Amino acid sequence: MSDKYNVKEISGNLTKEPEVTYKSSQETDFIKFGREGLPRFILDEMLSFLNISLQEFSSVLPVTVRTLQRYGSEDLLPSNVSDHLVQLFDLFQYGKYVFGANVNFVTWYKTPNTALGNVTPFSLSDTGYGIKMVRNELGRLAYGVYS
């Protein structure tokens, strides 16, 4: 799986500082990863990016901490978990683009937001619709439309 879809190259984009433009260029790969599974090390990279524990991050995933702990680094996660991680990865990429730096996005993502009902964007990331709400708010910020 890793070699077939070059998942390491895509995951490496998570820690890189954002590029001048944002494009979801890996969409077809994202669909494949969502269907066939992502290796567990992608989850570990997301934890590192957000600087949070597995316990905290599992609150927005459709799986228990104990189940995640059973997977080795190269083991493929189930499709429902992988699909959710792909959506979060894409959100993080867009957030990095909007804020211009990883640390700025991560700070915003973990801070209560008035436009989102005084909850953190992170806390809304447990559902696809919540991720869409956060992405829409990022879009408003990108275009200078404050709510």
C-alpha atoms as a PDB file:
ATOM      1  CA  MET A   1       0.000   0.000   0.000  1.00  0.00           C
ATOM      2  CA  SER A   2       2.656   2.550   0.966  1.00  0.00           C
ATOM      3  CA  ASP A   3       4.599   2.161  -2.259  1.00  0.00           C
ATOM      4  CA  LYS A   4       1.560   1.748  -4.480  1.00  0.00           C
ATOM      5  CA  TYR A   5       0.013   5.120  -3.581  1.00  0.00           C
ATOM      6  CA  ASN A   6       3.081   6.892  -2.211  1.00  0.00           C
ATOM      7  CA  VAL A   7       1.495   7.489   1.189  1.00  0.00           C
ATOM      8  CA  LYS A   8       4.826   8.583   2.701  1.00  0.00           C
ATOM      9  CA  GLU A   9       5.111  11.472   0.243  1.00  0.00           C
ATOM     10  CA  ILE A  10       1.587  12.593   1.024  1.00  0.00           C
ATOM     11  CA  SER A  11       2.077  12.284   4.780  1.00  0.00           C
ATOM     12  CA  GLY A  12       5.306  14.271   4.540  1.00  0.00           C
ATOM     13  CA  ASN A  13       3.208  17.219   3.414  1.00  0.00           C
ATOM     14  CA  LEU A  14       1.648  17.434   6.861  1.00  0.00           C
ATOM     15  CA  THR A  15       4.730  18.802   8.590  1.00  0.00           C
ATOM     16  CA  LYS A  16       5.953  20.993   5.722  1.00  0.00           C
ATOM     17  CA  GLU A  17       5.166  24.673   5.903  1.00  0.00           C
ATOM     18  CA  PRO A  18       2.332  25.583   3.513  1.00  0.00           C
ATOM     19  CA  GLU A  19       2.885  26.419  -0.108  1.00  0.00           C
ATOM     20  CA  VAL A  20       1.769  29.653  -1.721  1.00  0.00           C
ATOM     21  CA  THR A  21      -1.364  28.069  -3.140  1.00  0.00           C
ATOM     22  CA  TYR A  22      -3.657  25.380  -1.812  1.00  0.00           C
ATOM     23  CA  LYS A  23      -4.867  22.569  -4.006  1.00  0.00           C
ATOM     24  CA  SER A  24      -6.295  19.244  -3.105  1.00  0.00           C
ATOM     25  CA  SER A  25      -4.157  17.522  -5.719  1.00  0.00           C
ATOM     26  CA  GLN A  26      -4.213  14.112  -4.110  1.00  0.00           C
ATOM     27  CA  GLU A  27      -7.991  13.647  -4.171  1.00  0.00           C
ATOM     28  CA  THR A  28      -7.921  10.396  -6.131  1.00  0.00           C
ATOM     29  CA  ASP A  29      -5.279   9.041  -3.761  1.00  0.00           C
ATOM     30  CA  PHE A  30      -7.400  10.183  -0.807  1.00  0.00           C
ATOM     31  CA  ILE A  31     -10.322   8.128  -2.104  1.00  0.00           C
ATOM     32  CA  LYS A  32      -8.095   5.057  -2.415  1.00  0.00           C
ATOM     33  CA  PHE A  33      -6.672   5.571   1.096  1.00  0.00           C
ATOM     34  CA  GLY A  34     -10.157   5.976   2.510  1.00  0.00           C
ATOM     35  CA  ARG A  35     -11.314   2.765   0.893  1.00  0.00           C
ATOM     36  CA  GLU A  36      -8.249   0.582   1.340  1.00  0.00           C
ATOM     37  CA  GLY A  37      -6.845   1.930   4.592  1.00  0.00           C
ATOM     38  CA  LEU A  38      -4.002   4.139   5.755  1.00  0.00           C
ATOM     39  CA  PRO A  39      -0.990   2.809   7.628  1.00  0.00           C
ATOM     40  CA  ARG A  40      -1.005   3.582  11.357  1.00  0.00           C
ATOM     41  CA  PHE A  41       2.102   5.789  11.096  1.00  0.00           C
ATOM     42  CA  ILE A  42      -0.050   8.451   9.389  1.00  0.00           C
ATOM     43  CA  LEU A  43      -2.082   8.720  12.582  1.00  0.00           C
ATOM     44  CA  ASP A  44       1.132   9.095  14.574  1.00  0.00           C
ATOM     45  CA  GLU A  45       2.250  11.934  12.289  1.00  0.00           C
ATOM     46  CA  MET A  46      -1.079  13.690  12.816  1.00  0.00           C
ATOM     47  CA  LEU A  47      -0.646  13.373  16.587  1.00  0.00           C
ATOM     48  CA  SER A  48       2.780  14.937  16.280  1.00  0.00           C
ATOM     49  CA  PHE A  49       1.503  17.715  14.031  1.00  0.00           C
ATOM     50  CA  LEU A  50      -1.240  18.641  16.515  1.00  0.00           C
ATOM     51  CA  ASN A  51       0.949  17.950  19.551  1.00  0.00           C
ATOM     52  CA  ILE A  52      -1.764  15.895  21.253  1.00  0.00           C
ATOM     53  CA  SER A  53      -2.046  12.423  22.701  1.00  0.00           C
ATOM     54  CA  LEU A  54      -3.718   9.426  21.130  1.00  0.00           C
ATOM     55  CA  GLN A  55      -6.274   9.590  23.949  1.00  0.00           C
ATOM     56  CA  GLU A  56      -7.235  13.167  22.999  1.00  0.00           C
ATOM     57  CA  PHE A  57      -7.263  12.520  19.262  1.00  0.00           C
ATOM     58  CA  SER A  58      -9.349   9.378  19.579  1.00  0.00           C
ATOM     59  CA  SER A  59     -12.245  11.577  20.752  1.00  0.00           C
ATOM     60  CA  VAL A  60     -12.724  12.669  17.126  1.00  0.00           C
ATOM     61  CA  LEU A  61     -12.187   9.236  15.548  1.00  0.00           C
ATOM     62  CA  PRO A  62     -14.709   6.441  14.999  1.00  0.00           C
ATOM     63  CA  VAL A  63     -12.618   3.943  16.975  1.00  0.00           C
ATOM     64  CA  THR A  64     -11.417   3.370  20.540  1.00  0.00           C
ATOM     65  CA  VAL A  65      -7.928   4.100  21.829  1.00  0.00           C
ATOM     66  CA  ARG A  66      -7.430   0.451  22.700  1.00  0.00           C
ATOM     67  CA  THR A  67      -8.231  -0.640  19.157  1.00  0.00           C
ATOM     68  CA  LEU A  68      -5.774   1.903  17.734  1.00  0.00           C
ATOM     69  CA  GLN A  69      -3.068   0.693  20.112  1.00  0.00           C
ATOM     70  CA  ARG A  70      -3.316  -2.786  18.608  1.00  0.00           C
ATOM     71  CA  TYR A  71      -2.118  -1.602  15.200  1.00  0.00           C
ATOM     72  CA  GLY A  72       1.555  -1.658  14.242  1.00  0.00           C
ATOM     73  CA  SER A  73       3.116   1.248  12.377  1.00  0.00           C
ATOM     74  CA  GLU A  74       2.622  -0.297   8.918  1.00  0.00           C
ATOM     75  CA  ASP A  75      -0.724  -1.987   9.666  1.00  0.00           C
ATOM     76  CA  LEU A  76      -3.618  -0.588   7.657  1.00  0.00           C
ATOM     77  CA  LEU A  77      -6.389   1.064   9.641  1.00  0.00           C
ATOM     78  CA  PRO A  78     -10.029   0.198   8.858  1.00  0.00           C
ATOM     79  CA  SER A  79     -11.669   2.113   6.014  1.00  0.00           C
ATOM     80  CA  ASN A  80     -13.995   4.123   8.281  1.00  0.00           C
ATOM     81  CA  VAL A  81     -11.030   5.376  10.340  1.00  0.00           C
ATOM     82  CA  SER A  82      -8.870   5.949   7.255  1.00  0.00           C
ATOM     83  CA  ASP A  83     -11.595   7.919   5.514  1.00  0.00           C
ATOM     84  CA  HIS A  84     -11.969  10.158   8.562  1.00  0.00           C
ATOM     85  CA  LEU A  85      -8.195  10.663   8.769  1.00  0.00           C
ATOM     86  CA  VAL A  86      -8.090  11.585   5.079  1.00  0.00           C
ATOM     87  CA  GLN A  87     -10.758  14.240   5.650  1.00  0.00           C
ATOM     88  CA  LEU A  88      -8.806  15.590   8.613  1.00  0.00           C
ATOM     89  CA  PHE A  89      -5.540  15.544   6.658  1.00  0.00           C
ATOM     90  CA  ASP A  90      -7.137  17.567   3.869  1.00  0.00           C
ATOM     91  CA  LEU A  91      -8.551  20.004   6.450  1.00  0.00           C
ATOM     92  CA  PHE A  92      -5.101  20.409   8.016  1.00  0.00           C
ATOM     93  CA  GLN A  93      -3.531  21.092   4.613  1.00  0.00           C
ATOM     94  CA  TYR A  94      -6.114  23.783   3.905  1.00  0.00           C
ATOM     95  CA  GLY A  95      -5.716  25.256   7.391  1.00  0.00           C
ATOM     96  CA  LYS A  96      -1.958  25.488   6.950  1.00  0.00           C
ATOM     97  CA  TYR A  97      -2.514  27.305   3.679  1.00  0.00           C
ATOM     98  CA  VAL A  98      -4.987  29.773   5.217  1.00  0.00           C
ATOM     99  CA  PHE A  99      -2.822  30.580   8.240  1.00  0.00           C
ATOM    100  CA  GLY A 100       0.523  30.501   6.463  1.00  0.00           C
ATOM    101  CA  ALA A 101       2.264  28.511   9.190  1.00  0.00           C
ATOM    102  CA  ASN A 102       1.655  25.206  10.909  1.00  0.00           C
ATOM    103  CA  VAL A 103       1.785  26.618  14.427  1.00  0.00           C
ATOM    104  CA  ASN A 104      -0.780  29.342  13.657  1.00  0.00           C
ATOM    105  CA  PHE A 105      -3.259  26.818  12.319  1.00  0.00           C
ATOM    106  CA  VAL A 106      -2.761  24.380  15.212  1.00  0.00           C
ATOM    107  CA  THR A 107      -3.303  27.183  17.735  1.00  0.00           C
ATOM    108  CA  TRP A 108      -6.519  28.256  15.964  1.00  0.00           C
ATOM    109  CA  TYR A 109      -7.710  24.642  15.673  1.00  0.00           C
ATOM    110  CA  LYS A 110      -7.412  24.117  19.436  1.00  0.00           C
ATOM    111  CA  THR A 111      -8.934  27.463  20.507  1.00  0.00           C
ATOM    112  CA  PRO A 112     -12.674  28.063  21.101  1.00  0.00           C
ATOM    113  CA  ASN A 113     -14.174  29.933  18.160  1.00  0.00           C
ATOM    114  CA  THR A 114     -17.143  32.298  18.425  1.00  0.00           C
ATOM    115  CA  ALA A 115     -18.218  31.645  14.828  1.00  0.00           C
ATOM    116  CA  LEU A 116     -18.391  27.910  15.588  1.00  0.00           C
ATOM    117  CA  GLY A 117     -20.541  28.287  18.710  1.00  0.00           C
ATOM    118  CA  ASN A 118     -17.696  28.896  21.182  1.00  0.00           C
ATOM    119  CA  VAL A 119     -16.264  25.414  20.745  1.00  0.00           C
ATOM    120  CA  THR A 120     -12.892  24.439  19.340  1.00  0.00           C
ATOM    121  CA  PRO A 121     -12.658  23.468  15.680  1.00  0.00           C
ATOM    122  CA  PHE A 122     -10.989  20.288  16.958  1.00  0.00           C
ATOM    123  CA  SER A 123     -14.101  19.296  18.925  1.00  0.00           C
ATOM    124  CA  LEU A 124     -16.217  19.518  15.761  1.00  0.00           C
ATOM    125  CA  SER A 125     -13.888  17.213  13.855  1.00  0.00           C
ATOM    126  CA  ASP A 126     -15.585  14.024  15.000  1.00  0.00           C
ATOM    127  CA  THR A 127     -18.038  14.021  12.074  1.00  0.00           C
ATOM    128  CA  GLY A 128     -17.849  14.749   8.382  1.00  0.00           C
ATOM    129  CA  TYR A 129     -20.329  17.582   8.791  1.00  0.00           C
ATOM    130  CA  GLY A 130     -18.240  19.083  11.604  1.00  0.00           C
ATOM    131  CA  ILE A 131     -15.141  18.940   9.409  1.00  0.00           C
ATOM    132  CA  LYS A 132     -17.136  20.704   6.686  1.00  0.00           C
ATOM    133  CA  MET A 133     -18.149  23.454   9.154  1.00  0.00           C
ATOM    134  CA  VAL A 134     -14.518  23.985  10.163  1.00  0.00           C
ATOM    135  CA  ARG A 135     -13.428  24.048   6.519  1.00  0.00           C
ATOM    136  CA  ASN A 136     -16.134  26.611   5.711  1.00  0.00           C
ATOM    137  CA  GLU A 137     -14.910  28.814   8.550  1.00  0.00           C
ATOM    138  CA  LEU A 138     -11.364  28.531   7.216  1.00  0.00           C
ATOM    139  CA  GLY A 139     -12.704  29.589   3.815  1.00  0.00           C
ATOM    140  CA  ARG A 140     -14.299  32.671   5.346  1.00  0.00           C
ATOM    141  CA  LEU A 141     -11.005  33.533   7.013  1.00  0.00           C
ATOM    142  CA  ALA A 142      -9.110  33.004   3.758  1.00  0.00           C
ATOM    143  CA  TYR A 143     -11.354  35.491   1.976  1.00  0.00           C
ATOM    144  CA  GLY A 144     -11.594  37.984   4.823  1.00  0.00           C
ATOM    145  CA  VAL A 145     -15.245  37.277   5.641  1.00  0.00           C
ATOM    146  CA  TYR A 146     -15.441  37.286   9.425  1.00  0.00           C
ATOM    147  CA  SER A 147     -18.512  35.840  11.102  1.00  0.00           C
END
